[in-house]
Amino acid sequence: MELGELEAAVIGSVIRLGKASARQVADHLEPSRGLAYTTISTTLDRLFKKGVLTRDEAVGRGGSRYIYRLHSEDKVKGRIVKGFVDRLVTAFGPSVISTLHDYMDEIPQDQLKRLEEKVRKESAPRQS
């Protein structure tokens, strides 16, 4: 899955806000970007159609509006990272994997330990 810069910023706002309407995301991004409400609304709808966000309809005084949430943070992160790595491999070949491996030396030890524990848990055979 590919994400543009605006899509990434919109997802970041939804994550920080927990759940949000298009107006809330526009207000959250406005100071730094000055984007139109319709641009934000269209981007949220596109992310919903890509399966990145879920939405519920809320009815209020001004009519109905959608409230967006991240579909599943781990699943979305995985899809985005896989798409990114696939593009890197296409552009630079398989040797890019060794570059990513070298980068792991720059990750702080406590973060690396948490990552290793998560991988170990998710790789363990499932108990029934």
N, C-alpha and C. Protein backbone atom coordinates (compact mmCIF):
# COMPACT_ATOMS: atom_id res chain seq x y z
N MET A 1 0.84 -1.17 0.00
CA MET A 1 0.00 0.00 0.00
C MET A 1 0.89 1.24 0.00
N GLU A 2 0.57 2.17 -0.86
CA GLU A 2 1.33 3.40 -0.91
C GLU A 2 0.54 4.52 -0.25
N LEU A 3 1.23 5.34 0.49
CA LEU A 3 0.60 6.50 1.11
C LEU A 3 1.34 7.75 0.67
N GLY A 4 0.57 8.75 0.32
CA GLY A 4 1.17 10.04 0.02
C GLY A 4 1.44 10.80 1.31
N GLU A 5 2.11 11.93 1.17
CA GLU A 5 2.45 12.74 2.34
C GLU A 5 1.21 13.22 3.09
N LEU A 6 0.19 13.66 2.34
CA LEU A 6 -1.05 14.14 2.98
C LEU A 6 -1.77 12.99 3.69
N GLU A 7 -1.83 11.82 3.03
CA GLU A 7 -2.47 10.67 3.66
C GLU A 7 -1.77 10.30 4.97
N ALA A 8 -0.45 10.32 4.96
CA ALA A 8 0.30 10.01 6.18
C ALA A 8 0.01 11.03 7.28
N ALA A 9 -0.08 12.31 6.91
CA ALA A 9 -0.38 13.34 7.90
C ALA A 9 -1.79 13.18 8.46
N VAL A 10 -2.74 12.83 7.60
CA VAL A 10 -4.13 12.62 8.04
C VAL A 10 -4.21 11.43 8.98
N ILE A 11 -3.55 10.32 8.63
CA ILE A 11 -3.54 9.14 9.51
C ILE A 11 -2.91 9.52 10.85
N GLY A 12 -1.82 10.27 10.82
CA GLY A 12 -1.18 10.70 12.06
C GLY A 12 -2.12 11.51 12.93
N SER A 13 -2.91 12.38 12.33
CA SER A 13 -3.88 13.16 13.10
C SER A 13 -4.94 12.27 13.71
N VAL A 14 -5.46 11.33 12.93
CA VAL A 14 -6.49 10.42 13.45
C VAL A 14 -5.92 9.61 14.61
N ILE A 15 -4.69 9.15 14.48
CA ILE A 15 -4.06 8.38 15.56
C ILE A 15 -3.93 9.25 16.82
N ARG A 16 -3.44 10.46 16.66
CA ARG A 16 -3.26 11.34 17.82
C ARG A 16 -4.59 11.73 18.47
N LEU A 17 -5.62 11.92 17.64
CA LEU A 17 -6.93 12.30 18.18
C LEU A 17 -7.73 11.10 18.68
N GLY A 18 -7.35 9.90 18.28
CA GLY A 18 -8.08 8.68 18.69
C GLY A 18 -9.20 8.36 17.72
N LYS A 19 -10.11 9.29 17.54
CA LYS A 19 -11.14 9.21 16.52
C LYS A 19 -11.47 10.65 16.17
N ALA A 20 -11.88 10.88 14.92
CA ALA A 20 -12.04 12.27 14.51
C ALA A 20 -12.94 12.40 13.29
N SER A 21 -13.61 13.53 13.24
CA SER A 21 -14.37 13.91 12.05
C SER A 21 -13.42 14.63 11.09
N ALA A 22 -13.89 14.86 9.88
CA ALA A 22 -13.08 15.61 8.91
C ALA A 22 -12.76 17.00 9.45
N ARG A 23 -13.71 17.65 10.10
CA ARG A 23 -13.49 18.98 10.66
C ARG A 23 -12.40 18.95 11.72
N GLN A 24 -12.43 17.93 12.60
CA GLN A 24 -11.41 17.83 13.65
C GLN A 24 -10.02 17.61 13.06
N VAL A 25 -9.93 16.77 12.02
CA VAL A 25 -8.63 16.54 11.37
C VAL A 25 -8.16 17.82 10.69
N ALA A 26 -9.07 18.51 10.00
CA ALA A 26 -8.70 19.76 9.33
C ALA A 26 -8.21 20.78 10.35
N ASP A 27 -8.89 20.90 11.49
CA ASP A 27 -8.47 21.83 12.53
C ASP A 27 -7.11 21.43 13.11
N HIS A 28 -6.88 20.13 13.24
CA HIS A 28 -5.62 19.63 13.79
C HIS A 28 -4.46 19.90 12.83
N LEU A 29 -4.70 19.78 11.52
CA LEU A 29 -3.65 19.98 10.53
C LEU A 29 -3.53 21.43 10.07
N GLU A 30 -4.55 22.22 10.24
CA GLU A 30 -4.61 23.57 9.68
C GLU A 30 -3.43 24.46 10.02
N PRO A 31 -2.98 24.51 11.26
CA PRO A 31 -1.88 25.44 11.55
C PRO A 31 -0.63 25.19 10.70
N SER A 32 -0.36 23.95 10.39
CA SER A 32 0.87 23.66 9.66
C SER A 32 0.66 23.56 8.15
N ARG A 33 -0.57 23.34 7.69
CA ARG A 33 -0.77 23.07 6.27
C ARG A 33 -1.75 24.01 5.56
N GLY A 34 -2.73 24.53 6.28
CA GLY A 34 -3.71 25.40 5.65
C GLY A 34 -4.52 24.71 4.56
N LEU A 35 -4.91 23.47 4.80
CA LEU A 35 -5.66 22.70 3.81
C LEU A 35 -7.15 22.95 3.90
N ALA A 36 -7.83 22.83 2.77
CA ALA A 36 -9.28 22.98 2.74
C ALA A 36 -9.95 21.77 3.39
N TYR A 37 -11.09 22.02 4.01
CA TYR A 37 -11.89 20.97 4.62
C TYR A 37 -12.21 19.87 3.60
N THR A 38 -12.56 20.27 2.37
CA THR A 38 -12.92 19.28 1.35
C THR A 38 -11.75 18.37 0.99
N THR A 39 -10.54 18.92 1.03
CA THR A 39 -9.35 18.10 0.75
C THR A 39 -9.18 17.04 1.83
N ILE A 40 -9.36 17.44 3.08
CA ILE A 40 -9.26 16.50 4.20
C ILE A 40 -10.35 15.46 4.11
N SER A 41 -11.57 15.88 3.82
CA SER A 41 -12.71 14.97 3.72
C SER A 41 -12.48 13.93 2.62
N THR A 42 -11.99 14.38 1.48
CA THR A 42 -11.70 13.47 0.36
C THR A 42 -10.60 12.48 0.73
N THR A 43 -9.57 12.97 1.42
CA THR A 43 -8.46 12.11 1.83
C THR A 43 -8.94 11.06 2.83
N LEU A 44 -9.77 11.46 3.79
CA LEU A 44 -10.32 10.50 4.76
C LEU A 44 -11.14 9.43 4.05
N ASP A 45 -11.96 9.84 3.09
CA ASP A 45 -12.77 8.87 2.34
C ASP A 45 -11.87 7.90 1.56
N ARG A 46 -10.81 8.41 0.96
CA ARG A 46 -9.87 7.56 0.22
C ARG A 46 -9.22 6.54 1.16
N LEU A 47 -8.83 6.99 2.36
CA LEU A 47 -8.22 6.08 3.33
C LEU A 47 -9.22 5.06 3.84
N PHE A 48 -10.48 5.45 3.95
CA PHE A 48 -11.53 4.50 4.31
C PHE A 48 -11.66 3.43 3.23
N LYS A 49 -11.69 3.85 1.98
CA LYS A 49 -11.83 2.91 0.85
C LYS A 49 -10.62 1.98 0.71
N LYS A 50 -9.45 2.45 1.15
CA LYS A 50 -8.24 1.61 1.14
C LYS A 50 -8.23 0.63 2.31
N GLY A 51 -9.16 0.79 3.25
CA GLY A 51 -9.21 -0.12 4.40
C GLY A 51 -8.32 0.30 5.55
N VAL A 52 -7.77 1.50 5.49
CA VAL A 52 -6.89 1.99 6.55
C VAL A 52 -7.71 2.51 7.72
N LEU A 53 -8.82 3.18 7.41
CA LEU A 53 -9.68 3.75 8.44
C LEU A 53 -11.06 3.09 8.43
N THR A 54 -11.69 3.10 9.58
CA THR A 54 -13.10 2.72 9.68
C THR A 54 -13.87 4.00 9.96
N ARG A 55 -15.16 3.96 9.76
CA ARG A 55 -15.95 5.15 10.06
C ARG A 55 -17.34 4.77 10.55
N ASP A 56 -17.84 5.62 11.42
CA ASP A 56 -19.20 5.50 11.92
C ASP A 56 -19.91 6.81 11.60
N GLU A 57 -21.21 6.71 11.39
CA GLU A 57 -21.97 7.93 11.12
C GLU A 57 -22.51 8.48 12.43
N ALA A 58 -22.32 9.76 12.64
CA ALA A 58 -22.83 10.44 13.83
C ALA A 58 -23.83 11.50 13.37
N VAL A 59 -24.99 11.52 14.00
CA VAL A 59 -26.02 12.50 13.66
C VAL A 59 -26.06 13.56 14.75
N GLY A 60 -26.00 14.80 14.32
CA GLY A 60 -26.02 15.91 15.27
C GLY A 60 -26.90 17.03 14.78
N ARG A 61 -26.75 18.20 15.38
CA ARG A 61 -27.59 19.35 15.01
C ARG A 61 -27.45 19.74 13.55
N GLY A 62 -26.25 19.67 13.02
CA GLY A 62 -26.01 20.09 11.64
C GLY A 62 -26.22 18.98 10.62
N GLY A 63 -26.71 17.85 11.04
CA GLY A 63 -26.89 16.72 10.13
C GLY A 63 -25.95 15.58 10.52
N SER A 64 -25.65 14.74 9.54
CA SER A 64 -24.78 13.60 9.83
C SER A 64 -23.35 13.88 9.37
N ARG A 65 -22.42 13.20 9.99
CA ARG A 65 -21.01 13.29 9.63
C ARG A 65 -20.37 11.96 9.97
N TYR A 66 -19.22 11.71 9.38
CA TYR A 66 -18.48 10.49 9.67
C TYR A 66 -17.43 10.76 10.74
N ILE A 67 -17.27 9.77 11.61
CA ILE A 67 -16.21 9.79 12.61
C ILE A 67 -15.26 8.64 12.23
N TYR A 68 -14.00 8.98 12.01
CA TYR A 68 -13.00 8.01 11.53
C TYR A 68 -12.10 7.54 12.66
N ARG A 69 -11.70 6.27 12.55
CA ARG A 69 -10.73 5.64 13.46
C ARG A 69 -9.79 4.80 12.62
N LEU A 70 -8.61 4.57 13.16
CA LEU A 70 -7.68 3.67 12.49
C LEU A 70 -8.24 2.26 12.55
N HIS A 71 -8.20 1.55 11.44
CA HIS A 71 -8.78 0.21 11.37
C HIS A 71 -8.15 -0.72 12.38
N SER A 72 -6.87 -0.93 12.29
CA SER A 72 -6.10 -1.74 13.22
C SER A 72 -4.66 -1.27 13.10
N GLU A 73 -4.15 -0.65 14.15
CA GLU A 73 -2.84 -0.01 14.04
C GLU A 73 -1.75 -0.97 13.58
N ASP A 74 -1.70 -2.16 14.18
CA ASP A 74 -0.66 -3.11 13.77
C ASP A 74 -0.82 -3.55 12.32
N LYS A 75 -2.06 -3.82 11.92
CA LYS A 75 -2.31 -4.26 10.55
C LYS A 75 -1.96 -3.15 9.56
N VAL A 76 -2.36 -1.93 9.86
CA VAL A 76 -2.08 -0.80 8.98
C VAL A 76 -0.58 -0.55 8.88
N LYS A 77 0.10 -0.55 10.03
CA LYS A 77 1.56 -0.36 10.01
C LYS A 77 2.22 -1.43 9.16
N GLY A 78 1.78 -2.66 9.33
CA GLY A 78 2.36 -3.76 8.57
C GLY A 78 2.18 -3.58 7.07
N ARG A 79 0.99 -3.19 6.65
CA ARG A 79 0.72 -2.99 5.22
C ARG A 79 1.55 -1.84 4.65
N ILE A 80 1.66 -0.76 5.43
CA ILE A 80 2.42 0.39 4.96
C ILE A 80 3.91 0.06 4.87
N VAL A 81 4.44 -0.59 5.90
CA VAL A 81 5.86 -0.95 5.89
C VAL A 81 6.16 -1.93 4.77
N LYS A 82 5.29 -2.92 4.58
CA LYS A 82 5.51 -3.89 3.50
C LYS A 82 5.53 -3.19 2.14
N GLY A 83 4.59 -2.28 1.93
CA GLY A 83 4.56 -1.54 0.67
C GLY A 83 5.82 -0.72 0.46
N PHE A 84 6.28 -0.09 1.54
CA PHE A 84 7.49 0.72 1.48
C PHE A 84 8.72 -0.14 1.17
N VAL A 85 8.85 -1.26 1.87
CA VAL A 85 10.00 -2.15 1.66
C VAL A 85 9.95 -2.74 0.24
N ASP A 86 8.75 -3.11 -0.22
CA ASP A 86 8.62 -3.63 -1.59
C ASP A 86 9.10 -2.60 -2.61
N ARG A 87 8.75 -1.32 -2.40
CA ARG A 87 9.19 -0.27 -3.33
C ARG A 87 10.70 -0.09 -3.27
N LEU A 88 11.27 -0.18 -2.05
CA LEU A 88 12.73 -0.06 -1.93
C LEU A 88 13.44 -1.20 -2.65
N VAL A 89 12.92 -2.42 -2.49
CA VAL A 89 13.54 -3.58 -3.15
C VAL A 89 13.42 -3.45 -4.66
N THR A 90 12.28 -2.96 -5.14
CA THR A 90 12.11 -2.76 -6.58
C THR A 90 13.10 -1.73 -7.10
N ALA A 91 13.30 -0.66 -6.35
CA ALA A 91 14.18 0.42 -6.79
C ALA A 91 15.67 0.07 -6.66
N PHE A 92 16.05 -0.59 -5.55
CA PHE A 92 17.47 -0.79 -5.26
C PHE A 92 17.92 -2.24 -5.27
N GLY A 93 16.99 -3.17 -5.40
CA GLY A 93 17.33 -4.58 -5.38
C GLY A 93 17.38 -5.12 -3.96
N PRO A 94 17.56 -6.43 -3.83
CA PRO A 94 17.53 -7.08 -2.52
C PRO A 94 18.59 -6.59 -1.54
N SER A 95 19.64 -5.95 -2.04
CA SER A 95 20.70 -5.49 -1.14
C SER A 95 20.20 -4.43 -0.16
N VAL A 96 19.05 -3.83 -0.45
CA VAL A 96 18.51 -2.82 0.46
C VAL A 96 18.17 -3.44 1.82
N ILE A 97 17.90 -4.73 1.84
CA ILE A 97 17.60 -5.42 3.10
C ILE A 97 18.80 -5.35 4.04
N SER A 98 20.01 -5.52 3.51
CA SER A 98 21.19 -5.43 4.37
C SER A 98 21.37 -4.01 4.91
N THR A 99 20.97 -3.01 4.13
CA THR A 99 21.03 -1.63 4.60
C THR A 99 20.07 -1.43 5.76
N LEU A 100 18.87 -1.98 5.65
CA LEU A 100 17.90 -1.91 6.74
C LEU A 100 18.44 -2.63 7.97
N HIS A 101 19.08 -3.76 7.75
CA HIS A 101 19.67 -4.52 8.86
C HIS A 101 20.75 -3.69 9.55
N ASP A 102 21.57 -3.01 8.77
CA ASP A 102 22.61 -2.15 9.34
C ASP A 102 22.00 -1.03 10.18
N TYR A 103 20.86 -0.53 9.73
CA TYR A 103 20.18 0.55 10.46
C TYR A 103 19.76 0.09 11.85
N MET A 104 19.52 -1.18 12.03
CA MET A 104 19.09 -1.69 13.34
C MET A 104 20.11 -1.37 14.42
N ASP A 105 21.38 -1.20 14.06
CA ASP A 105 22.41 -0.84 15.04
C ASP A 105 22.15 0.54 15.65
N GLU A 106 21.37 1.37 14.95
CA GLU A 106 21.08 2.72 15.43
C GLU A 106 19.84 2.78 16.32
N ILE A 107 19.11 1.69 16.42
CA ILE A 107 17.90 1.65 17.25
C ILE A 107 18.32 1.50 18.71
N PRO A 108 17.79 2.35 19.60
CA PRO A 108 18.13 2.22 21.02
C PRO A 108 17.83 0.82 21.54
N GLN A 109 18.69 0.33 22.44
CA GLN A 109 18.59 -1.05 22.94
C GLN A 109 17.23 -1.37 23.54
N ASP A 110 16.63 -0.45 24.31
CA ASP A 110 15.33 -0.74 24.93
C ASP A 110 14.25 -0.92 23.87
N GLN A 111 14.29 -0.12 22.80
CA GLN A 111 13.31 -0.28 21.73
C GLN A 111 13.54 -1.58 20.97
N LEU A 112 14.80 -1.91 20.74
CA LEU A 112 15.12 -3.14 20.04
C LEU A 112 14.67 -4.36 20.85
N LYS A 113 14.85 -4.31 22.16
CA LYS A 113 14.44 -5.42 23.03
C LYS A 113 12.92 -5.61 22.97
N ARG A 114 12.17 -4.49 23.01
CA ARG A 114 10.70 -4.58 22.91
C ARG A 114 10.28 -5.16 21.56
N LEU A 115 10.97 -4.76 20.51
CA LEU A 115 10.68 -5.27 19.18
C LEU A 115 10.96 -6.77 19.10
N GLU A 116 12.07 -7.21 19.65
CA GLU A 116 12.41 -8.63 19.65
C GLU A 116 11.38 -9.44 20.42
N GLU A 117 10.91 -8.91 21.55
CA GLU A 117 9.89 -9.61 22.34
C GLU A 117 8.58 -9.72 21.56
N LYS A 118 8.22 -8.66 20.87
CA LYS A 118 6.99 -8.69 20.08
C LYS A 118 7.10 -9.71 18.95
N VAL A 119 8.24 -9.72 18.26
CA VAL A 119 8.43 -10.69 17.17
C VAL A 119 8.37 -12.11 17.73
N ARG A 120 9.01 -12.34 18.88
CA ARG A 120 9.02 -13.67 19.48
C ARG A 120 7.59 -14.11 19.83
N LYS A 121 6.80 -13.22 20.44
CA LYS A 121 5.42 -13.55 20.80
C LYS A 121 4.57 -13.87 19.59
N GLU A 122 4.73 -13.05 18.53
CA GLU A 122 3.91 -13.24 17.34
C GLU A 122 4.38 -14.43 16.50
N SER A 123 5.62 -14.84 16.69
CA SER A 123 6.15 -15.99 15.94
C SER A 123 5.89 -17.31 16.64
N ALA A 124 5.59 -17.26 17.94
CA ALA A 124 5.36 -18.48 18.71
C ALA A 124 4.10 -19.19 18.19
N PRO A 125 4.12 -20.54 18.21
CA PRO A 125 2.93 -21.28 17.79
C PRO A 125 1.75 -20.90 18.67
N ARG A 126 0.60 -20.76 18.07
CA ARG A 126 -0.61 -20.39 18.79
C ARG A 126 -1.09 -21.57 19.64
N GLN A 127 -1.43 -21.27 20.90
CA GLN A 127 -1.98 -22.29 21.80
C GLN A 127 -3.49 -22.34 21.61
N SER A 128 -4.09 -23.49 21.54
CA SER A 128 -5.55 -23.59 21.38
C SER A 128 -6.23 -23.69 22.70
